[in-house]
Each structure stands twice: as C-alpha cells, then as structure tokens.
Amino acid sequence: MSAQKQSQSAGSDSGGGKRKPWVKKSPVEIILEQVAKQQEKVEALRKELAQEEGELKKMQDATRLLQAK
C-alpha cells in the first residue's frame, strides 16, 4: 500500500507541464483583480437578462394576440 501511495504522489509531481512560479501580489492588486472579475460577471448577467427579457416580451405579445381573438 505505501509503495502505491509513493508512486502516485511522485507521478503527480512529475506529470504534465511545469507550473508558473508564484508571484506575491499586493492587496491593491488583489482587490483590482476581484473588481475586474465582478465587472465581467455583471456584464454577462446583464446580457443574459436582456435575452430573457426579450423572450418574455415575445411571450407577452403572443398572449395578447391569443386573448384578442
């Protein structure tokens, strides 16, 4: 069992490509990155909301047409 664990841990370290070295970021850089990610998320949600509102308008128009007949 211990031989398997050792081979698995050694295999995970040597497999794949090399990782980028860790670069320490200042608190300001961290906050700026978080703000940018949140802005991207909000933009994506706004686009999705606009699409959903368009679908709702189509359904409401269809409902009005059906009720008019």
C-alpha atoms as a PDB file:
ATOM      1  CA  MET A   1       0.000   0.000   0.000  1.00  0.00           C
ATOM      2  CA  SER A   2       2.703   2.502   0.919  1.00  0.00           C
ATOM      3  CA  ALA A   3       4.524   1.766  -2.348  1.00  0.00           C
ATOM      4  CA  GLN A   4       1.381   2.699  -4.298  1.00  0.00           C
ATOM      5  CA  LYS A   5       0.954   5.955  -2.409  1.00  0.00           C
ATOM      6  CA  GLN A   6       4.581   6.906  -3.012  1.00  0.00           C
ATOM      7  CA  SER A   7       4.361   6.142  -6.722  1.00  0.00           C
ATOM      8  CA  GLN A   8       1.110   8.108  -7.069  1.00  0.00           C
ATOM      9  CA  SER A   9       2.487  11.174  -5.311  1.00  0.00           C
ATOM     10  CA  ALA A  10       5.705  11.024  -7.335  1.00  0.00           C
ATOM     11  CA  GLY A  11       3.732  10.598 -10.550  1.00  0.00           C
ATOM     12  CA  SER A  12       1.543  13.627  -9.889  1.00  0.00           C
ATOM     13  CA  ASP A  13       4.574  15.847  -9.342  1.00  0.00           C
ATOM     14  CA  SER A  14       6.407  14.744 -12.467  1.00  0.00           C
ATOM     15  CA  GLY A  15       3.380  14.573 -14.796  1.00  0.00           C
ATOM     16  CA  GLY A  16       2.188  17.386 -17.049  1.00  0.00           C
ATOM     17  CA  GLY A  17       3.837  20.709 -17.734  1.00  0.00           C
ATOM     18  CA  LYS A  18       5.654  22.998 -15.387  1.00  0.00           C
ATOM     19  CA  ARG A  19       3.663  25.413 -13.280  1.00  0.00           C
ATOM     20  CA  LYS A  20       4.227  29.138 -13.324  1.00  0.00           C
ATOM     21  CA  PRO A  21       6.173  30.442 -10.355  1.00  0.00           C
ATOM     22  CA  TRP A  22       4.048  32.034  -7.624  1.00  0.00           C
ATOM     23  CA  VAL A  23       4.205  35.813  -7.604  1.00  0.00           C
ATOM     24  CA  LYS A  24       3.163  37.624  -4.457  1.00  0.00           C
ATOM     25  CA  LYS A  25       0.519  40.276  -5.127  1.00  0.00           C
ATOM     26  CA  SER A  26      -0.163  43.383  -3.138  1.00  0.00           C
ATOM     27  CA  PRO A  27      -3.588  43.811  -1.532  1.00  0.00           C
ATOM     28  CA  VAL A  28      -4.361  46.528  -4.078  1.00  0.00           C
ATOM     29  CA  GLU A  29      -3.662  44.162  -6.982  1.00  0.00           C
ATOM     30  CA  ILE A  30      -5.870  41.501  -5.426  1.00  0.00           C
ATOM     31  CA  ILE A  31      -8.773  43.931  -4.999  1.00  0.00           C
ATOM     32  CA  LEU A  32      -8.371  45.255  -8.550  1.00  0.00           C
ATOM     33  CA  GLU A  33      -8.488  41.712  -9.923  1.00  0.00           C
ATOM     34  CA  GLN A  34     -11.605  40.963  -7.885  1.00  0.00           C
ATOM     35  CA  VAL A  35     -13.264  44.146  -9.168  1.00  0.00           C
ATOM     36  CA  ALA A  36     -12.456  43.212 -12.763  1.00  0.00           C
ATOM     37  CA  LYS A  37     -13.855  39.696 -12.300  1.00  0.00           C
ATOM     38  CA  GLN A  38     -17.025  41.093 -10.733  1.00  0.00           C
ATOM     39  CA  GLN A  39     -17.458  43.552 -13.613  1.00  0.00           C
ATOM     40  CA  GLU A  40     -17.168  40.704 -16.122  1.00  0.00           C
ATOM     41  CA  LYS A  41     -19.706  38.672 -14.163  1.00  0.00           C
ATOM     42  CA  VAL A  42     -22.157  41.595 -14.044  1.00  0.00           C
ATOM     43  CA  GLU A  43     -21.809  42.191 -17.792  1.00  0.00           C
ATOM     44  CA  ALA A  44     -22.517  38.527 -18.510  1.00  0.00           C
ATOM     45  CA  LEU A  45     -25.579  38.620 -16.256  1.00  0.00           C
ATOM     46  CA  ARG A  46     -26.829  41.798 -17.964  1.00  0.00           C
ATOM     47  CA  LYS A  47     -26.558  40.140 -21.374  1.00  0.00           C
ATOM     48  CA  GLU A  48     -28.410  37.087 -20.092  1.00  0.00           C
ATOM     49  CA  LEU A  49     -31.090  39.309 -18.535  1.00  0.00           C
ATOM     50  CA  ALA A  50     -31.560  41.186 -21.811  1.00  0.00           C
ATOM     51  CA  GLN A  51     -32.082  37.880 -23.641  1.00  0.00           C
ATOM     52  CA  GLU A  52     -34.579  36.686 -21.044  1.00  0.00           C
ATOM     53  CA  GLU A  53     -36.462  39.989 -21.208  1.00  0.00           C
ATOM     54  CA  GLY A  54     -36.678  39.615 -24.998  1.00  0.00           C
ATOM     55  CA  GLU A  55     -38.151  36.129 -24.592  1.00  0.00           C
ATOM     56  CA  LEU A  56     -40.640  37.439 -22.037  1.00  0.00           C
ATOM     57  CA  LYS A  57     -41.729  40.237 -24.383  1.00  0.00           C
ATOM     58  CA  LYS A  58     -42.316  37.727 -27.182  1.00  0.00           C
ATOM     59  CA  MET A  59     -44.435  35.568 -24.894  1.00  0.00           C
ATOM     60  CA  GLN A  60     -46.424  38.567 -23.650  1.00  0.00           C
ATOM     61  CA  ASP A  61     -47.073  39.661 -27.241  1.00  0.00           C
ATOM     62  CA  ALA A  62     -48.245  36.161 -28.132  1.00  0.00           C
ATOM     63  CA  THR A  63     -50.527  36.136 -25.086  1.00  0.00           C
ATOM     64  CA  ARG A  64     -52.071  39.461 -26.139  1.00  0.00           C
ATOM     65  CA  LEU A  65     -52.687  38.127 -29.643  1.00  0.00           C
ATOM     66  CA  LEU A  66     -54.339  34.987 -28.309  1.00  0.00           C
ATOM     67  CA  GLN A  67     -56.528  36.927 -25.908  1.00  0.00           C
ATOM     68  CA  ALA A  68     -57.616  39.352 -28.640  1.00  0.00           C
ATOM     69  CA  LYS A  69     -59.142  36.548 -30.720  1.00  0.00           C
END
